[in-house]
Amino acid sequence: MDLVATAGQGRYLELDAAQTLSTMMVNGSPDSVRFIEFFDNLIKRVASAARHGDLAVLVYGEAVDLLLTQGSVHAAVLIEDLTNELLKRNNVHILCGYSVSCVHGAMDNHTLGQINARHSAVYRV
């Protein structure tokens, strides 16, 4: 895939996770309205650029990992719930990535269970 051409067509977007997340946080927690509106619009824009409304949009998310690394477990779990709402509303597939240091360091077993329970599949590499 030619990412330059794809990006030029609006079918590939790369966002800075920390910067994007900062626009939706209020008092240390993600604002659900801002989050859903932002990603609903973004998903629709990318799907429209693909010129095929029935194609799924693929999203790689790292905001939860960033929040967990900062110790913001509640905010991370809320992002997972909001992401699941996006799945219900849009033809989208979301791949989440978590750093090994986060999974084995900052995250206890209870938190790991909460996060995993919000995914349709979990793969450990």
Protein backbone atom coordinates (compact mmCIF):
# COMPACT_ATOMS: atom_id res chain seq x y z
CA MET A 1 0.00 0.00 0.00
CA ASP A 2 1.34 3.40 -0.94
CA LEU A 3 0.73 5.39 2.27
CA VAL A 4 1.56 8.72 0.65
CA ALA A 5 -1.07 8.21 -2.06
CA THR A 6 -3.54 6.77 0.42
CA ALA A 7 -3.02 9.69 2.80
CA GLY A 8 -3.44 12.12 -0.09
CA GLN A 9 -6.80 10.53 -0.85
CA GLY A 10 -7.89 10.89 2.79
CA ARG A 11 -8.02 7.13 3.28
CA TYR A 12 -5.13 7.03 5.74
CA LEU A 13 -4.87 9.36 8.71
CA GLU A 14 -2.23 9.36 11.39
CA LEU A 15 -3.01 11.17 14.61
CA ASP A 16 -0.85 11.80 17.64
CA ALA A 17 -2.60 9.81 20.38
CA ALA A 18 -1.51 12.04 23.26
CA GLN A 19 -2.48 15.24 21.46
CA THR A 20 -5.83 13.84 20.31
CA LEU A 21 -6.58 12.52 23.77
CA SER A 22 -5.77 15.89 25.34
CA THR A 23 -8.55 17.54 23.31
CA MET A 24 -11.18 15.27 24.86
CA MET A 25 -10.10 15.14 28.48
CA VAL A 26 -11.97 17.06 31.17
CA ASN A 27 -10.70 16.91 34.76
CA GLY A 28 -8.60 13.82 34.00
CA SER A 29 -11.38 11.87 32.32
CA PRO A 30 -12.45 11.60 28.70
CA ASP A 31 -15.57 13.58 27.84
CA SER A 32 -17.89 11.03 26.24
CA VAL A 33 -19.63 13.55 23.95
CA ARG A 34 -16.35 14.97 22.61
CA PHE A 35 -14.91 11.47 22.14
CA ILE A 36 -17.91 10.02 20.28
CA GLU A 37 -18.43 13.13 18.11
CA PHE A 38 -14.75 13.34 17.16
CA PHE A 39 -14.37 9.69 16.22
CA ASP A 40 -17.82 9.37 14.61
CA ASN A 41 -16.91 12.26 12.30
CA LEU A 42 -13.41 10.93 11.65
CA ILE A 43 -14.65 7.43 10.81
CA LYS A 44 -17.32 8.80 8.48
CA ARG A 45 -14.78 11.04 6.75
CA VAL A 46 -12.34 8.18 6.14
CA ALA A 47 -15.12 5.83 5.00
CA SER A 48 -16.38 8.49 2.59
CA ALA A 49 -12.87 9.03 1.19
CA ALA A 50 -12.68 5.31 0.45
CA ARG A 51 -15.78 5.79 -1.74
CA HIS A 52 -17.30 2.59 -0.46
CA GLY A 53 -19.66 3.08 2.48
CA ASP A 54 -19.75 -0.64 3.19
CA LEU A 55 -16.01 -0.94 3.85
CA ALA A 56 -14.89 -1.08 7.45
CA VAL A 57 -12.54 1.55 8.77
CA LEU A 58 -9.52 0.17 10.59
CA VAL A 59 -8.28 2.00 13.67
CA TYR A 60 -5.20 1.38 15.75
CA GLY A 61 -5.62 2.80 19.23
CA GLU A 62 -3.00 3.54 21.82
CA ALA A 63 -4.80 6.02 24.07
CA VAL A 64 -5.62 3.38 26.70
CA ASP A 65 -1.97 2.40 26.92
CA LEU A 66 -1.01 6.05 27.39
CA LEU A 67 -3.57 6.48 30.17
CA LEU A 68 -2.55 3.26 31.93
CA THR A 69 1.09 4.27 31.79
CA GLN A 70 0.08 7.52 33.53
CA GLY A 71 -1.84 5.54 36.16
CA SER A 72 -5.25 6.76 34.94
CA VAL A 73 -7.04 3.40 35.17
CA HIS A 74 -10.56 4.84 35.40
CA ALA A 75 -10.02 7.02 32.31
CA ALA A 76 -8.53 4.06 30.42
CA VAL A 77 -11.52 1.85 31.19
CA LEU A 78 -13.88 4.65 30.14
CA ILE A 79 -12.05 4.97 26.80
CA GLU A 80 -12.55 1.23 26.28
CA ASP A 81 -16.28 1.63 26.92
CA LEU A 82 -16.51 4.61 24.56
CA THR A 83 -14.61 2.68 21.92
CA ASN A 84 -17.15 -0.13 22.19
CA GLU A 85 -19.87 2.45 21.59
CA LEU A 86 -18.09 3.45 18.38
CA LEU A 87 -18.13 -0.20 17.31
CA LYS A 88 -21.92 -0.26 17.68
CA ARG A 89 -22.38 2.95 15.70
CA ASN A 90 -19.90 2.45 12.84
CA ASN A 91 -18.47 -0.17 10.54
CA VAL A 92 -15.09 -0.05 12.24
CA HIS A 93 -12.47 -2.50 13.49
CA ILE A 94 -10.24 -1.37 16.32
CA LEU A 95 -6.88 -2.88 17.21
CA CYS A 96 -5.54 -1.85 20.58
CA GLY A 97 -1.89 -2.11 21.54
CA TYR A 98 -0.46 -2.18 25.02
CA SER A 99 3.21 -1.94 25.86
CA VAL A 100 4.77 -4.87 27.67
CA SER A 101 5.97 -2.55 30.42
CA CYS A 102 2.40 -1.39 30.99
CA VAL A 103 0.92 -4.88 31.06
CA HIS A 104 3.64 -6.23 33.32
CA GLY A 105 4.25 -3.10 35.34
CA ALA A 106 1.61 -0.42 35.71
CA MET A 107 -1.38 -2.72 35.30
CA ASP A 108 -2.48 -5.10 38.06
CA ASN A 109 -4.45 -8.29 37.34
CA HIS A 110 -7.81 -6.67 38.17
CA THR A 111 -7.19 -3.80 35.74
CA LEU A 112 -5.93 -6.20 33.07
CA GLY A 113 -9.14 -8.22 33.52
CA GLN A 114 -11.28 -5.07 33.18
CA ILE A 115 -9.51 -4.08 29.97
CA ASN A 116 -9.54 -7.57 28.46
CA ALA A 117 -13.26 -7.99 29.21
CA ARG A 118 -14.00 -5.03 26.94
CA HIS A 119 -12.34 -6.63 23.89
CA SER A 120 -13.80 -9.17 21.49
CA ALA A 121 -10.42 -10.93 21.31
CA VAL A 122 -7.11 -10.67 23.15
CA TYR A 123 -3.82 -11.77 21.66
CA ARG A 124 -0.63 -11.88 23.65
CA VAL A 125 2.61 -11.71 21.77
